[in-house]
Amino acid sequence: MFLLFLSSSLLSQENKLQVTATRAYIYTDANINSSIIETVEKGTILNQISPGKIGYIWYRVSYYSKKRSNVVLGFIQTSSVEITQGAPKITEEERAKPKIKEKKPTVIPVSRSKIIEKKPTVIPVSRKKTYVPRKFKTGPKSGVGFLAGYAMPAENNYSSGLEYGGNICLGITKNVSIELKGLSFQSDVEGNPEALSKGKLSVMPIQLSIQARFPISWRFLPYFVGGGGYYLNRFNLDQEIIDAWDALGFDLEEKVENAIGYHFGAGIDLFITKNIALNADIRYFITTIKGSWTLTDQIIGTENSGSLEALNLNSLIFGGGLKFYF
């Protein structure tokens, strides 16, 4: 009996809500994804049956639906209504009207996961293609090469001339390489009473070098080079001098020794493909050799001999060639 009295007391104190939106929806639950029970127009009066807001944005309400001829219970958003007083109450006559069963329209709940947000249109600043420098990678490079050049001895007694040879290059890192190089060079000797007589000097340096390489791009690879080598030397005395001493009854012989030398220089590899490069190179060779001479009397067999000290074979060599890297 007490509960019945309390329920009647609460219903008598319920607020009246007036729809302020042009159109509002009454839902089965306090959730916009739940089914819509009724659509109410602006100015419609509803009964608030919840003691306060539900979930901060909902009221539980009752509403007499003329379409259904029945009282509807549901939830409405607080933003669609405002609290008002003095609204008409549902009369007993309205409650007694026969219920007309109408086909309930099917309302498809809107799923939040299916709400497609319109993405803002991004207007490109410019459709003109921006040039991005091409990245290149250069690692250790190893290969073989063939070269030719022009040698210019520092001493006037020796003539300039062509030189040729080949090399093998072993890449350690992209900036360090070891090179083994072999060359061949011949020089005409004019003759000097204190040095070699007239003839032809052949020099074959075998050089071991270290290259410091500084790649500018995949195509241009300049380098500095330095190292040492072993010089294989041979001297052939001019036949006219041999004949002249022979006519006097003597045999003249002149020899040169092998020697150790040094060199330094710079160059550049210009790649025409990924594995083929043109090469240009300049180096200065530093070496000093020793020699000897022997004069033999053809009749009595006595010999006179002497040494040739500090024969300067320093040379500046310009070279170029083709290298094949792998």
Protein backbone atom coordinates (compact mmCIF):
# COMPACT_ATOMS: atom_id res chain seq x y z
CA MET A 1 0.00 0.00 0.00
CA PHE A 2 2.92 2.30 0.82
CA LEU A 3 4.64 1.56 -2.53
CA LEU A 4 1.44 2.37 -4.44
CA PHE A 5 1.17 5.68 -2.61
CA LEU A 6 4.85 6.52 -3.28
CA SER A 7 4.48 5.74 -7.02
CA SER A 8 1.39 7.97 -7.29
CA SER A 9 3.19 10.75 -5.42
CA LEU A 10 6.21 10.64 -7.80
CA LEU A 11 4.00 10.66 -10.91
CA SER A 12 2.10 13.66 -9.62
CA GLN A 13 5.44 15.56 -9.22
CA GLU A 14 6.92 14.66 -12.65
CA ASN A 15 8.16 17.50 -14.87
CA LYS A 16 6.68 18.38 -18.19
CA LEU A 17 9.05 18.58 -21.16
CA GLN A 18 8.32 20.54 -24.31
CA VAL A 19 10.00 19.58 -27.59
CA THR A 20 12.09 22.53 -28.85
CA ALA A 21 13.68 20.84 -31.87
CA THR A 22 11.86 20.86 -35.21
CA ARG A 23 11.75 17.11 -34.96
CA ALA A 24 12.89 14.76 -32.19
CA TYR A 25 13.04 10.99 -31.70
CA ILE A 26 11.99 8.81 -28.80
CA TYR A 27 14.30 5.77 -28.51
CA THR A 28 13.77 2.42 -26.82
CA ASP A 29 17.05 2.83 -24.90
CA ALA A 30 19.36 5.70 -23.92
CA ASN A 31 21.43 5.04 -27.03
CA ILE A 32 21.17 6.57 -30.50
CA ASN A 33 21.84 3.12 -31.97
CA SER A 34 18.65 1.73 -30.41
CA SER A 35 15.32 1.55 -32.26
CA ILE A 36 13.17 4.68 -32.72
CA ILE A 37 9.73 4.32 -31.11
CA GLU A 38 8.16 7.62 -32.11
CA THR A 39 8.94 10.84 -33.95
CA VAL A 40 7.55 13.97 -32.22
CA GLU A 41 7.20 17.47 -33.62
CA LYS A 42 8.19 20.82 -32.11
CA GLY A 43 5.90 21.90 -29.24
CA THR A 44 4.90 18.38 -28.21
CA ILE A 45 4.55 17.97 -24.43
CA LEU A 46 6.18 14.94 -22.81
CA ASN A 47 6.16 13.62 -19.22
CA GLN A 48 9.57 13.26 -17.58
CA ILE A 49 9.43 10.04 -15.56
CA SER A 50 13.14 9.81 -14.67
CA PRO A 51 14.19 11.69 -11.49
CA GLY A 52 16.96 13.42 -13.44
CA LYS A 53 19.19 13.13 -16.49
CA ILE A 54 20.40 9.70 -17.53
CA GLY A 55 23.95 9.58 -18.80
CA TYR A 56 24.00 13.41 -18.82
CA ILE A 57 22.14 13.68 -22.16
CA TRP A 58 18.92 11.62 -21.78
CA TYR A 59 15.49 11.93 -20.17
CA ARG A 60 13.15 9.00 -19.69
CA VAL A 61 9.70 10.17 -20.84
CA SER A 62 6.15 9.04 -21.41
CA TYR A 63 3.99 10.25 -24.23
CA TYR A 64 0.43 9.54 -25.36
CA SER A 65 0.67 8.61 -29.02
CA LYS A 66 -2.42 9.39 -31.09
CA LYS A 67 -1.07 7.12 -33.82
CA ARG A 68 -0.82 4.21 -31.43
CA SER A 69 -3.69 5.34 -29.13
CA ASN A 70 -1.46 4.30 -26.27
CA VAL A 71 1.09 5.69 -23.85
CA VAL A 72 4.66 5.37 -25.16
CA LEU A 73 7.65 5.00 -22.80
CA GLY A 74 11.17 5.77 -24.04
CA PHE A 75 14.19 8.06 -23.98
CA ILE A 76 14.79 11.45 -25.58
CA GLN A 77 17.90 13.58 -25.79
CA THR A 78 18.00 16.57 -23.42
CA SER A 79 19.12 18.89 -26.22
CA SER A 80 15.76 18.39 -27.97
CA VAL A 81 13.51 19.47 -25.05
CA GLU A 82 13.14 21.96 -22.24
CA ILE A 83 11.35 21.72 -18.89
CA THR A 84 7.96 23.46 -18.80
CA GLN A 85 4.84 23.51 -16.57
CA GLY A 86 1.07 23.59 -17.13
CA ALA A 87 0.96 21.21 -19.97
CA PRO A 88 -2.32 19.34 -20.57
CA LYS A 89 -2.66 15.95 -18.94
CA ILE A 90 -3.82 12.81 -20.63
CA THR A 91 -7.61 12.52 -20.06
CA GLU A 92 -9.42 9.34 -19.11
CA GLU A 93 -11.35 9.58 -22.38
CA GLU A 94 -8.15 9.48 -24.35
CA ARG A 95 -6.95 6.54 -22.33
CA ALA A 96 -10.23 4.69 -23.01
CA LYS A 97 -10.10 5.04 -26.79
CA PRO A 98 -9.79 1.74 -28.59
CA LYS A 99 -6.31 0.81 -29.62
CA ILE A 100 -5.72 0.76 -33.34
CA LYS A 101 -3.03 -1.56 -34.34
CA GLU A 102 -0.87 0.01 -37.00
CA LYS A 103 2.05 -1.58 -38.68
CA LYS A 104 5.13 -0.37 -36.92
CA PRO A 105 7.54 1.14 -39.43
CA THR A 106 10.84 -0.60 -39.53
CA VAL A 107 13.58 1.74 -38.43
CA ILE A 108 17.06 0.57 -39.24
CA PRO A 109 19.38 1.63 -36.43
CA VAL A 110 22.35 3.63 -37.52
CA SER A 111 25.63 1.99 -36.58
CA ARG A 112 28.49 4.23 -35.59
CA SER A 113 30.84 1.94 -37.43
CA LYS A 114 28.96 2.68 -40.67
CA ILE A 115 29.05 6.43 -40.33
CA ILE A 116 31.21 7.70 -43.14
CA GLU A 117 32.95 10.90 -42.32
CA LYS A 118 33.61 13.14 -45.24
CA LYS A 119 37.29 13.65 -45.52
CA PRO A 120 38.46 17.20 -46.16
CA THR A 121 39.52 17.84 -49.70
CA VAL A 122 43.24 18.38 -49.87
CA ILE A 123 44.19 20.81 -52.59
CA PRO A 124 47.72 20.17 -53.80
CA VAL A 125 49.96 23.21 -53.71
CA SER A 126 51.44 22.41 -57.07
CA ARG A 127 51.20 19.50 -59.49
CA LYS A 128 54.59 20.30 -60.92
CA LYS A 129 57.03 17.48 -60.27
CA THR A 130 59.73 18.33 -57.77
CA TYR A 131 63.22 17.24 -58.71
CA VAL A 132 64.76 14.99 -56.10
CA PRO A 133 68.48 14.36 -56.47
CA ARG A 134 69.17 10.75 -57.27
CA LYS A 135 70.77 8.87 -54.43
CA PHE A 136 73.79 6.81 -55.23
CA LYS A 137 75.65 4.10 -53.43
CA THR A 138 79.30 3.35 -53.94
CA GLY A 139 80.90 0.43 -52.19
CA PRO A 140 84.27 -1.24 -52.53
CA LYS A 141 85.20 -1.67 -56.18
CA SER A 142 87.65 -4.23 -57.58
CA GLY A 143 88.74 -4.70 -61.15
CA VAL A 144 91.42 -4.80 -63.82
CA GLY A 145 92.64 -2.12 -66.17
CA PHE A 146 94.74 -1.50 -69.26
CA LEU A 147 96.56 1.78 -69.73
CA ALA A 148 98.98 3.75 -71.83
CA GLY A 149 100.72 7.03 -71.24
CA TYR A 150 103.64 9.33 -71.79
CA ALA A 151 106.76 9.34 -69.60
CA MET A 152 108.95 12.40 -69.16
CA PRO A 153 112.29 11.72 -67.35
CA ALA A 154 113.68 14.54 -65.21
CA GLU A 155 117.25 14.18 -66.60
CA ASN A 156 118.01 15.56 -70.05
CA ASN A 157 120.15 12.50 -70.85
CA TYR A 158 117.01 10.38 -71.16
CA SER A 159 114.37 10.91 -73.82
CA SER A 160 110.60 11.00 -73.26
CA GLY A 161 108.42 8.29 -74.71
CA LEU A 162 105.36 6.11 -74.54
CA GLU A 163 104.69 3.71 -71.71
CA TYR A 164 102.03 1.01 -71.37
CA GLY A 165 100.89 -1.62 -68.88
CA GLY A 166 98.06 -2.92 -66.73
CA ASN A 167 96.84 -3.00 -63.17
CA ILE A 168 94.72 -4.94 -60.70
CA CYS A 169 92.66 -3.01 -58.17
CA LEU A 170 91.29 -4.54 -54.94
CA GLY A 171 88.65 -2.49 -53.12
CA ILE A 172 88.92 -2.59 -49.32
CA THR A 173 86.24 0.02 -48.55
CA LYS A 174 84.51 2.58 -50.74
CA ASN A 175 87.34 5.02 -49.89
CA VAL A 176 90.39 2.73 -49.78
CA SER A 177 91.77 0.52 -52.53
CA ILE A 178 95.00 -1.42 -53.09
CA GLU A 179 96.50 -1.41 -56.57
CA LEU A 180 99.14 -3.63 -58.19
CA LYS A 181 100.48 -2.07 -61.37
CA GLY A 182 103.02 -3.10 -63.99
CA LEU A 183 104.50 -0.76 -66.63
CA SER A 184 107.04 -0.84 -69.41
CA PHE A 185 109.03 2.15 -70.62
CA GLN A 186 112.04 2.64 -72.94
CA SER A 187 114.21 5.72 -73.16
CA ASP A 188 116.98 6.66 -75.53
CA VAL A 189 120.17 7.61 -73.65
CA GLU A 190 122.23 10.35 -75.31
CA GLY A 191 125.46 9.41 -73.49
CA ASN A 192 127.41 11.03 -70.71
CA PRO A 193 131.08 10.40 -69.83
CA GLU A 194 130.14 10.35 -66.15
CA ALA A 195 127.04 8.19 -66.63
CA LEU A 196 125.71 5.78 -69.20
CA SER A 197 126.97 5.82 -72.72
CA LYS A 198 124.73 6.13 -75.71
CA GLY A 199 122.14 3.36 -75.86
CA LYS A 200 118.63 2.34 -74.88
CA LEU A 201 117.38 2.03 -71.31
CA SER A 202 114.39 -0.21 -70.54
CA VAL A 203 112.55 0.26 -67.24
CA MET A 204 109.78 -1.99 -65.96
CA PRO A 205 108.39 -0.81 -62.56
CA ILE A 206 106.19 -3.19 -60.53
CA GLN A 207 104.28 -0.91 -58.15
CA LEU A 208 102.13 -1.53 -55.08
CA SER A 209 99.94 1.46 -54.23
CA ILE A 210 97.24 2.60 -51.87
CA GLN A 211 94.47 4.72 -53.35
CA ALA A 212 92.38 7.14 -51.29
CA ARG A 213 89.13 7.37 -53.26
CA PHE A 214 86.52 10.13 -52.90
CA PRO A 215 83.36 9.32 -54.90
CA ILE A 216 81.47 12.44 -55.98
CA SER A 217 78.73 10.36 -57.59
CA TRP A 218 78.40 6.89 -59.08
CA ARG A 219 79.98 8.31 -62.27
CA PHE A 220 82.90 10.43 -60.97
CA LEU A 221 85.50 8.85 -58.67
CA PRO A 222 88.66 10.93 -58.08
CA TYR A 223 91.52 9.53 -56.02
CA PHE A 224 94.98 10.16 -54.61
CA VAL A 225 97.61 7.44 -54.88
CA GLY A 226 100.96 6.68 -53.32
CA GLY A 227 103.26 3.71 -52.80
CA GLY A 228 106.45 1.97 -53.72
CA GLY A 229 107.76 -0.46 -56.29
CA TYR A 230 110.58 -2.55 -57.63
CA TYR A 231 112.17 -1.33 -60.89
CA LEU A 232 113.51 -3.93 -63.33
CA ASN A 233 116.16 -2.14 -65.42
CA ARG A 234 118.14 -3.13 -68.51
CA PHE A 235 120.59 -1.15 -70.64
CA ASN A 236 121.68 -1.96 -74.18
CA LEU A 237 124.78 -0.16 -75.39
CA ASP A 238 124.56 1.44 -78.81
CA GLN A 239 126.00 -0.81 -81.54
CA GLU A 240 128.14 1.97 -83.02
CA ILE A 241 129.99 2.37 -79.72
CA ILE A 242 130.48 -1.40 -79.45
CA ASP A 243 131.91 -1.49 -82.98
CA ALA A 244 134.20 1.46 -82.32
CA TRP A 245 135.80 -0.18 -79.26
CA ASP A 246 135.95 -3.49 -81.04
CA ALA A 247 137.98 -1.89 -83.80
CA LEU A 248 140.47 -0.81 -81.12
CA GLY A 249 140.68 -4.35 -79.73
CA PHE A 250 138.49 -3.85 -76.68
CA ASP A 251 135.09 -5.08 -75.55
CA LEU A 252 132.94 -2.49 -73.70
CA GLU A 253 130.00 -3.53 -71.56
CA GLU A 254 127.70 -1.36 -69.41
CA LYS A 255 125.11 -2.65 -66.97
CA VAL A 256 122.44 -1.18 -64.65
CA GLU A 257 121.03 -2.72 -61.49
CA ASN A 258 117.45 -3.18 -60.39
CA ALA A 259 116.24 -0.71 -57.76
CA ILE A 260 113.49 0.25 -55.36
CA GLY A 261 111.48 3.39 -56.09
CA TYR A 262 108.54 5.42 -54.87
CA HIS A 263 105.69 7.32 -56.46
CA PHE A 264 102.70 9.55 -55.72
CA GLY A 265 99.96 11.15 -57.78
CA ALA A 266 96.24 11.53 -58.44
CA GLY A 267 93.63 10.44 -60.94
CA ILE A 268 89.96 9.98 -61.69
CA ASP A 269 87.72 7.16 -62.88
CA LEU A 270 84.88 8.24 -65.15
CA PHE A 271 82.26 5.49 -65.30
CA ILE A 272 80.50 5.10 -68.63
CA THR A 273 78.52 2.12 -67.29
CA LYS A 274 78.15 0.59 -63.86
CA ASN A 275 81.24 -1.62 -64.36
CA ILE A 276 83.31 0.12 -67.04
CA ALA A 277 85.29 3.31 -66.45
CA LEU A 278 87.68 5.55 -68.35
CA ASN A 279 90.76 6.45 -66.33
CA ALA A 280 93.07 9.47 -66.30
CA ASP A 281 96.14 9.48 -64.07
CA ILE A 282 99.28 11.52 -63.33
CA ARG A 283 102.19 10.24 -61.20
CA TYR A 284 105.73 11.20 -60.30
CA PHE A 285 108.23 8.36 -60.02
CA ILE A 286 111.30 8.67 -57.78
CA THR A 287 114.13 6.18 -58.21
CA THR A 288 117.91 6.14 -58.33
CA ILE A 289 119.84 3.26 -59.84
CA LYS A 290 123.45 2.10 -59.91
CA GLY A 291 125.46 0.84 -62.85
CA SER A 292 128.87 -0.46 -63.85
CA TRP A 293 131.13 -0.64 -66.88
CA THR A 294 133.79 -3.16 -67.96
CA LEU A 295 136.47 -2.67 -70.64
CA THR A 296 138.24 -5.91 -71.68
CA ASP A 297 141.40 -6.13 -73.78
CA GLN A 298 140.73 -8.69 -76.51
CA ILE A 299 144.45 -9.68 -76.87
CA ILE A 300 145.75 -10.06 -73.35
CA GLY A 301 142.34 -10.38 -71.60
CA THR A 302 142.90 -7.73 -68.96
CA GLU A 303 139.85 -5.91 -67.65
CA ASN A 304 139.25 -2.42 -66.42
CA SER A 305 135.98 -1.68 -64.62
CA GLY A 306 134.21 1.04 -62.71
CA SER A 307 130.86 1.90 -61.14
CA LEU A 308 128.17 4.33 -62.12
CA GLU A 309 126.62 5.86 -59.02
CA ALA A 310 123.34 7.66 -58.49
CA LEU A 311 121.79 7.46 -61.92
CA ASN A 312 118.64 9.57 -61.54
CA LEU A 313 115.58 8.06 -63.25
CA ASN A 314 112.92 10.36 -61.75
CA SER A 315 110.01 10.72 -64.21
CA LEU A 316 106.62 12.39 -64.59
CA ILE A 317 104.10 10.08 -66.26
CA PHE A 318 100.71 10.97 -67.73
CA GLY A 319 98.46 7.97 -68.23
CA GLY A 320 95.00 6.96 -69.32
CA GLY A 321 93.13 3.75 -69.92
CA LEU A 322 90.10 1.56 -69.52
CA LYS A 323 89.09 -0.25 -66.32
CA PHE A 324 86.67 -3.11 -65.84
CA TYR A 325 85.15 -3.40 -62.35
CA PHE A 326 83.27 -6.32 -60.86
